[in-house]
Protein backbone atom coordinates (compact mmCIF):
# COMPACT_ATOMS: atom_id res chain seq x y z
CA MET A 1 -83.81 23.43 -3.49
CA GLU A 2 -82.14 20.07 -4.19
CA LEU A 3 -79.52 19.17 -6.69
CA LEU A 4 -80.03 15.86 -8.63
CA ALA A 5 -77.69 13.73 -10.51
CA ASN A 6 -77.76 14.37 -14.17
CA PRO A 7 -76.28 11.38 -16.18
CA CYS A 8 -75.07 11.85 -19.71
CA LEU A 9 -77.53 11.13 -22.53
CA CYS A 10 -75.28 8.29 -23.52
CA LYS A 11 -75.48 6.67 -20.18
CA ALA A 12 -71.73 5.95 -20.32
CA GLY A 13 -70.98 7.14 -16.76
CA ASN A 14 -67.29 7.90 -17.58
CA ASP A 15 -66.63 11.69 -17.12
CA ARG A 16 -63.88 14.26 -16.88
CA ILE A 17 -64.38 17.07 -14.57
CA LEU A 18 -63.77 20.47 -16.29
CA PHE A 19 -64.59 22.82 -13.64
CA PRO A 20 -65.74 22.28 -9.82
CA GLN A 21 -69.24 23.61 -8.90
CA ARG A 22 -69.57 27.32 -7.93
CA ILE A 23 -72.86 28.15 -6.51
CA GLY A 24 -73.18 31.07 -4.23
CA PRO A 25 -76.25 32.51 -2.16
CA SER A 26 -77.56 34.27 -5.42
CA ALA A 27 -77.34 31.58 -7.88
CA LEU A 28 -80.65 29.70 -7.40
CA THR A 29 -83.03 32.50 -7.79
CA ALA A 30 -85.34 33.79 -10.57
CA TYR A 31 -82.99 36.63 -11.34
CA ALA A 32 -80.24 34.17 -12.07
CA PHE A 33 -82.45 32.15 -14.42
CA SER A 34 -83.30 35.30 -16.39
CA ALA A 35 -82.20 35.75 -19.95
CA ARG A 36 -79.40 38.36 -20.53
CA ARG A 37 -79.06 39.25 -16.90
CA ARG A 38 -75.66 40.34 -15.69
CA ARG A 39 -73.42 37.26 -15.52
CA SER A 40 -71.49 36.15 -12.40
CA LEU A 41 -69.09 33.21 -12.15
CA GLN A 42 -71.82 30.78 -10.83
CA HIS A 43 -72.31 27.30 -12.34
CA TYR A 44 -72.88 23.75 -11.50
CA ARG A 45 -70.11 21.17 -11.60
CA ILE A 46 -69.20 20.92 -15.37
CA VAL A 47 -68.09 17.74 -16.79
CA ARG A 48 -67.52 16.19 -20.22
CA CYS A 49 -68.42 12.65 -20.98
CA ARG A 50 -65.32 10.54 -22.25
CA ALA A 51 -67.48 8.44 -24.43
CA CYS A 52 -69.40 10.75 -26.64
CA GLY A 53 -67.78 14.24 -25.75
CA LEU A 54 -71.01 15.86 -24.45
CA VAL A 55 -70.56 18.70 -21.83
CA ARG A 56 -72.99 18.84 -19.12
CA SER A 57 -73.67 20.12 -15.51
CA ASP A 58 -74.08 17.63 -13.07
CA PRO A 59 -75.62 17.52 -10.60
CA VAL A 60 -78.56 20.06 -11.34
CA LEU A 61 -81.77 21.16 -10.02
CA SER A 62 -84.97 19.24 -10.48
CA ASP A 63 -87.37 19.95 -13.24
CA ARG A 64 -89.80 21.10 -10.91
CA ASP A 65 -87.53 23.77 -9.43
CA LEU A 66 -86.20 24.69 -12.87
CA GLY A 67 -89.94 25.19 -14.03
CA ALA A 68 -90.66 27.57 -11.04
CA LEU A 69 -87.60 29.53 -11.53
CA TYR A 70 -88.16 30.10 -15.34
CA ARG A 71 -91.94 30.98 -14.75
CA ALA A 72 -90.79 33.71 -12.27
CA SER A 73 -87.94 34.92 -14.44
CA GLN A 74 -87.53 38.63 -15.28
CA PHE A 75 -87.71 40.16 -18.78
CA LEU A 76 -84.37 41.85 -19.11
CA TYR A 77 -83.57 41.87 -22.79
CA ALA A 78 -85.79 44.32 -24.66
CA GLN A 79 -83.07 46.11 -26.40
CA GLU A 80 -81.42 42.88 -27.74
CA SER A 81 -84.50 41.03 -28.55
CA ALA A 82 -84.93 42.94 -31.80
CA TYR A 83 -81.46 42.22 -32.96
CA ALA A 84 -81.69 38.55 -32.29
CA ALA A 85 -85.12 38.34 -33.90
CA ARG A 86 -83.74 39.59 -37.27
CA THR A 87 -80.90 37.03 -37.26
CA TYR A 88 -83.06 34.03 -36.43
CA ALA A 89 -85.82 35.43 -38.73
CA SER A 90 -83.24 35.38 -41.62
CA LEU A 91 -81.83 31.87 -40.88
CA VAL A 92 -85.37 30.34 -40.52
CA SER A 93 -86.81 31.92 -43.52
CA ARG A 94 -83.93 30.67 -45.74
CA GLN A 95 -84.25 27.08 -44.48
CA ALA A 96 -88.23 27.22 -44.57
CA ARG A 97 -88.10 28.51 -48.10
CA ALA A 98 -85.73 25.99 -49.49
CA PHE A 99 -88.02 23.21 -48.08
CA HIS A 100 -91.71 24.78 -48.31
CA GLY A 101 -91.24 27.20 -51.04
CA ALA A 102 -93.59 30.17 -51.03
CA GLY A 103 -96.70 28.06 -49.52
CA PRO A 104 -98.07 28.58 -46.00
CA ILE A 105 -95.92 27.64 -43.08
CA ARG A 106 -97.23 26.53 -39.65
CA LEU A 107 -94.44 27.44 -37.29
CA LEU A 108 -93.90 27.07 -33.55
CA GLU A 109 -91.12 28.80 -31.51
CA ILE A 110 -90.36 27.41 -28.18
CA GLY A 111 -89.10 29.72 -25.67
CA CYS A 112 -90.35 32.72 -27.63
CA GLY A 113 -89.83 35.35 -24.78
CA GLU A 114 -92.16 38.39 -25.66
CA GLY A 115 -92.67 37.25 -29.06
CA PHE A 116 -90.15 39.67 -30.88
CA PHE A 117 -89.16 36.68 -33.38
CA LEU A 118 -92.83 35.99 -34.18
CA LYS A 119 -93.57 39.63 -34.86
CA GLU A 120 -90.41 39.75 -37.07
CA MET A 121 -91.79 36.70 -39.08
CA GLY A 122 -95.01 38.41 -39.41
CA ARG A 123 -93.37 41.34 -41.01
CA ARG A 124 -91.79 38.92 -43.45
CA GLY A 125 -95.11 37.74 -44.40
CA LEU A 126 -95.56 34.66 -42.12
CA LYS A 127 -98.92 34.83 -40.49
CA GLY A 128 -100.16 32.55 -37.53
CA ALA A 129 -96.86 31.78 -35.81
CA VAL A 130 -97.26 30.40 -32.50
CA GLY A 131 -94.83 30.57 -29.46
CA VAL A 132 -94.48 28.98 -26.03
CA GLU A 133 -92.95 30.84 -23.17
CA PRO A 134 -92.98 30.17 -19.31
CA SER A 135 -92.09 33.46 -18.15
CA VAL A 136 -95.11 35.44 -17.05
CA GLN A 137 -93.21 38.79 -17.15
CA ALA A 138 -91.98 38.08 -20.70
CA LEU A 139 -95.52 37.63 -21.69
CA GLY A 140 -96.53 40.90 -20.27
CA HIS A 141 -94.03 42.67 -22.51
CA ALA A 142 -95.56 41.05 -25.56
CA SER A 143 -97.24 43.55 -28.13
CA PRO A 144 -101.09 43.14 -28.29
CA GLU A 145 -100.85 41.76 -31.92
CA VAL A 146 -98.50 38.87 -30.86
CA ARG A 147 -99.80 38.02 -27.24
CA PRO A 148 -102.78 35.94 -28.43
CA THR A 149 -100.30 33.66 -30.18
CA ILE A 150 -98.20 32.79 -27.10
CA VAL A 151 -98.87 29.90 -24.96
CA ASN A 152 -97.81 30.93 -21.33
CA ASP A 153 -96.42 27.39 -20.35
CA LEU A 154 -93.51 25.11 -20.29
CA PHE A 155 -93.17 23.19 -23.56
CA ARG A 156 -94.20 19.57 -22.82
CA ARG A 157 -95.76 16.49 -24.24
CA GLY A 158 -99.37 17.03 -25.08
CA LEU A 159 -99.40 20.68 -25.35
CA PHE A 160 -99.94 20.46 -29.10
CA GLN A 161 -101.49 17.58 -31.23
CA GLU A 162 -99.46 15.49 -33.38
CA GLY A 163 -98.48 16.87 -36.98
CA THR A 164 -99.50 20.39 -36.10
CA PHE A 165 -96.48 22.30 -37.29
CA ASP A 166 -94.35 22.45 -40.45
CA VAL A 167 -91.50 24.11 -38.79
CA VAL A 168 -90.37 24.16 -35.08
CA CYS A 169 -87.50 26.38 -33.86
CA ALA A 170 -85.91 27.15 -30.63
CA PHE A 171 -83.15 29.46 -30.06
CA HIS A 172 -80.61 29.05 -27.07
CA LEU A 173 -83.08 26.87 -25.30
CA LEU A 174 -81.70 23.37 -25.66
CA ASP A 175 -78.78 24.11 -23.35
CA HIS A 176 -81.23 24.85 -20.62
CA LEU A 177 -82.79 21.56 -20.45
CA ALA A 178 -82.14 18.45 -18.07
CA ARG A 179 -83.93 16.43 -20.99
CA PRO A 180 -83.06 17.96 -24.37
CA ASP A 181 -83.76 14.31 -26.02
CA ALA A 182 -87.27 14.49 -24.81
CA LEU A 183 -87.73 17.91 -26.30
CA LEU A 184 -86.74 16.62 -29.62
CA GLU A 185 -88.75 13.61 -29.45
CA GLU A 186 -91.92 15.75 -28.76
CA CYS A 187 -90.72 18.24 -31.69
CA PHE A 188 -90.67 15.08 -33.97
CA ARG A 189 -94.23 14.07 -32.81
CA ILE A 190 -95.81 17.46 -33.47
CA LEU A 191 -94.08 18.05 -36.82
CA ASP A 192 -96.10 17.19 -39.93
CA GLY A 193 -94.77 15.07 -42.67
CA GLN A 194 -91.19 15.89 -43.33
CA GLY A 195 -91.18 19.06 -41.22
CA LEU A 196 -88.10 21.10 -40.21
CA LEU A 197 -86.43 21.54 -36.70
CA ILE A 198 -84.26 24.57 -36.57
CA LEU A 199 -82.01 24.87 -33.47
CA VAL A 200 -79.50 27.69 -32.42
CA CYS A 201 -77.07 26.76 -29.45
CA HIS A 202 -73.99 27.72 -27.97
CA HIS A 203 -70.75 26.05 -29.51
CA VAL A 204 -69.03 24.80 -26.34
CA ASP A 205 -65.73 24.20 -28.07
CA ALA A 206 -65.63 27.22 -30.21
CA PHE A 207 -62.33 29.21 -30.17
CA VAL A 208 -63.77 32.06 -27.85
CA ASN A 209 -64.97 29.67 -25.24
CA ARG A 210 -61.55 27.43 -25.21
CA ILE A 211 -59.61 30.79 -24.81
CA LEU A 212 -62.03 32.07 -21.82
CA GLY A 213 -62.17 28.73 -20.23
CA GLU A 214 -64.26 29.16 -17.20
CA ARG A 215 -64.69 32.65 -17.64
CA SER A 216 -66.88 32.09 -20.73
CA PRO A 217 -70.54 32.91 -20.49
CA VAL A 218 -71.42 29.56 -21.64
CA PHE A 219 -70.51 28.02 -18.32
CA ASP A 220 -73.40 29.35 -16.39
CA ILE A 221 -75.94 28.38 -13.68
CA GLU A 222 -78.56 28.39 -16.57
CA HIS A 223 -76.91 25.77 -18.84
CA ILE A 224 -77.21 22.20 -18.28
CA PHE A 225 -76.11 20.66 -21.58
CA LEU A 226 -73.58 22.44 -23.87
CA PHE A 227 -73.09 21.16 -27.47
CA ASN A 228 -70.68 21.27 -30.26
CA PRO A 229 -71.68 20.40 -34.00
CA ALA A 230 -70.85 16.88 -33.55
CA THR A 231 -73.03 16.19 -30.24
CA LEU A 232 -75.76 18.33 -31.50
CA GLY A 233 -75.98 16.50 -34.73
CA ARG A 234 -75.92 13.15 -32.92
CA LEU A 235 -78.73 13.93 -30.70
CA ALA A 236 -80.99 15.03 -33.73
CA VAL A 237 -80.26 11.91 -35.62
CA SER A 238 -81.04 9.88 -32.41
CA SER A 239 -84.44 11.53 -32.05
CA GLY A 240 -85.35 10.45 -35.67
CA PHE A 241 -84.26 13.47 -37.69
CA ALA A 242 -82.15 13.71 -40.77
CA LEU A 243 -79.37 16.55 -40.68
CA ARG A 244 -80.02 19.07 -43.52
CA GLU A 245 -77.44 21.72 -42.59
CA GLN A 246 -75.28 22.81 -39.71
CA GLY A 247 -73.16 26.03 -39.49
CA ARG A 248 -72.19 29.00 -37.51
CA VAL A 249 -74.39 31.98 -36.36
CA VAL A 250 -73.00 35.45 -36.75
CA ASN A 251 -74.95 37.83 -34.52
CA THR A 252 -75.58 41.62 -34.62
CA TYR A 253 -75.88 43.39 -31.34
CA PRO A 254 -75.01 46.98 -29.90
CA LEU A 255 -71.54 47.33 -28.82
CA SER A 256 -72.42 47.72 -25.18
CA TYR A 257 -74.29 44.36 -25.37
CA TRP A 258 -71.01 42.61 -26.35
CA LEU A 259 -68.86 44.28 -23.72
CA ARG A 260 -71.40 43.50 -20.89
CA TYR A 261 -70.69 39.95 -21.42
CA ALA A 262 -66.99 39.99 -21.88
CA PRO A 263 -64.73 39.36 -18.94
CA VAL A 264 -62.92 42.37 -17.64
CA LEU A 265 -64.48 44.65 -20.30
CA SER A 266 -68.02 44.20 -18.77
CA ARG A 267 -67.24 47.24 -16.36
CA ILE A 268 -66.94 49.74 -19.04
CA ALA A 269 -70.10 48.65 -20.91
CA ASP A 270 -72.47 51.07 -19.04
CA ARG A 271 -69.91 54.05 -19.12
CA LEU A 272 -69.93 54.29 -22.84
CA PRO A 273 -71.33 57.25 -24.62
CA LEU A 274 -74.97 56.61 -25.84
CA GLY A 275 -74.23 56.95 -29.33
CA ILE A 276 -71.22 54.67 -29.10
CA GLY A 277 -72.83 52.06 -26.95
CA ASN A 278 -75.74 51.68 -29.50
CA VAL A 279 -73.51 51.19 -32.37
CA PRO A 280 -74.46 47.75 -34.10
CA PHE A 281 -71.46 45.43 -34.05
CA THR A 282 -71.40 41.96 -35.86
CA LEU A 283 -69.38 39.08 -34.30
CA ASN A 284 -69.05 35.37 -34.45
CA ALA A 285 -69.48 34.66 -30.64
CA GLY A 286 -69.56 30.99 -30.88
CA ASN A 287 -73.17 30.01 -31.75
CA ILE A 288 -74.09 27.25 -34.13
CA TYR A 289 -77.24 26.27 -35.85
CA LEU A 290 -78.73 23.06 -36.95
CA CYS A 291 -81.63 22.33 -39.47
CA ALA A 292 -82.89 18.81 -39.54
CA GLN A 293 -85.90 17.20 -41.17
CA LYS A 294 -88.27 14.60 -39.91
CA ARG A 295 -87.96 11.34 -41.67
């Protein structure tokens, strides 16, 4: 596998190094590119563009290598997916109702995993939602009612026709892409009329990440671009969207999940008594959302 230069989206070419590259023998494996796996301190060189403020990894793996790793990635987040689905379904339902009212909505989730969000949206009355997911193993965990609605592929140009959807959403996906601008341009193409784009990303400059520094989970071999509200908003606008709303995401997960991703405390996560480890805990962990409208 070869590492390739990854210039900033603004093409300024004026960067400040935040952290040097840390890539060990286990970094470039399918397990390392599996969501919610146990984190180790492995990442590309991390830089911040002095011109636009965008944080990114540089150099990074090629799109071909990344695609192969994500297709082979493991499904490790069955317990957490139900919690995440409820959080994101509440966010999407609120935004979609404000725009579409009670009418039918054609929805696409990019990077849908085993489809728990699609299933949750079905429970809330939305029928016919569609997902795209490259991981073969994740698709194998999809329930029979959701599996037929999932396209087992990388999201790419031409996968769907122009104007197919009213809402396109992606949760913690944009951070993983070498061309997030290309994804938003394709989202713009497949959205109908004044359709909605809803994204959830890590907030690289959140207080928790500034405190943890390089030990923060956001600095990881999976993450290529890392956004804050300003850089995320500029990317959406440059792709043709008008911003409707941005804000913080408050997540609820079992206590053992939060401890697993906390430096130092991660060692005690699996030692908690089952009853304590499964207690739901709500926390603002430095995530942000964006809702933008096609114009």
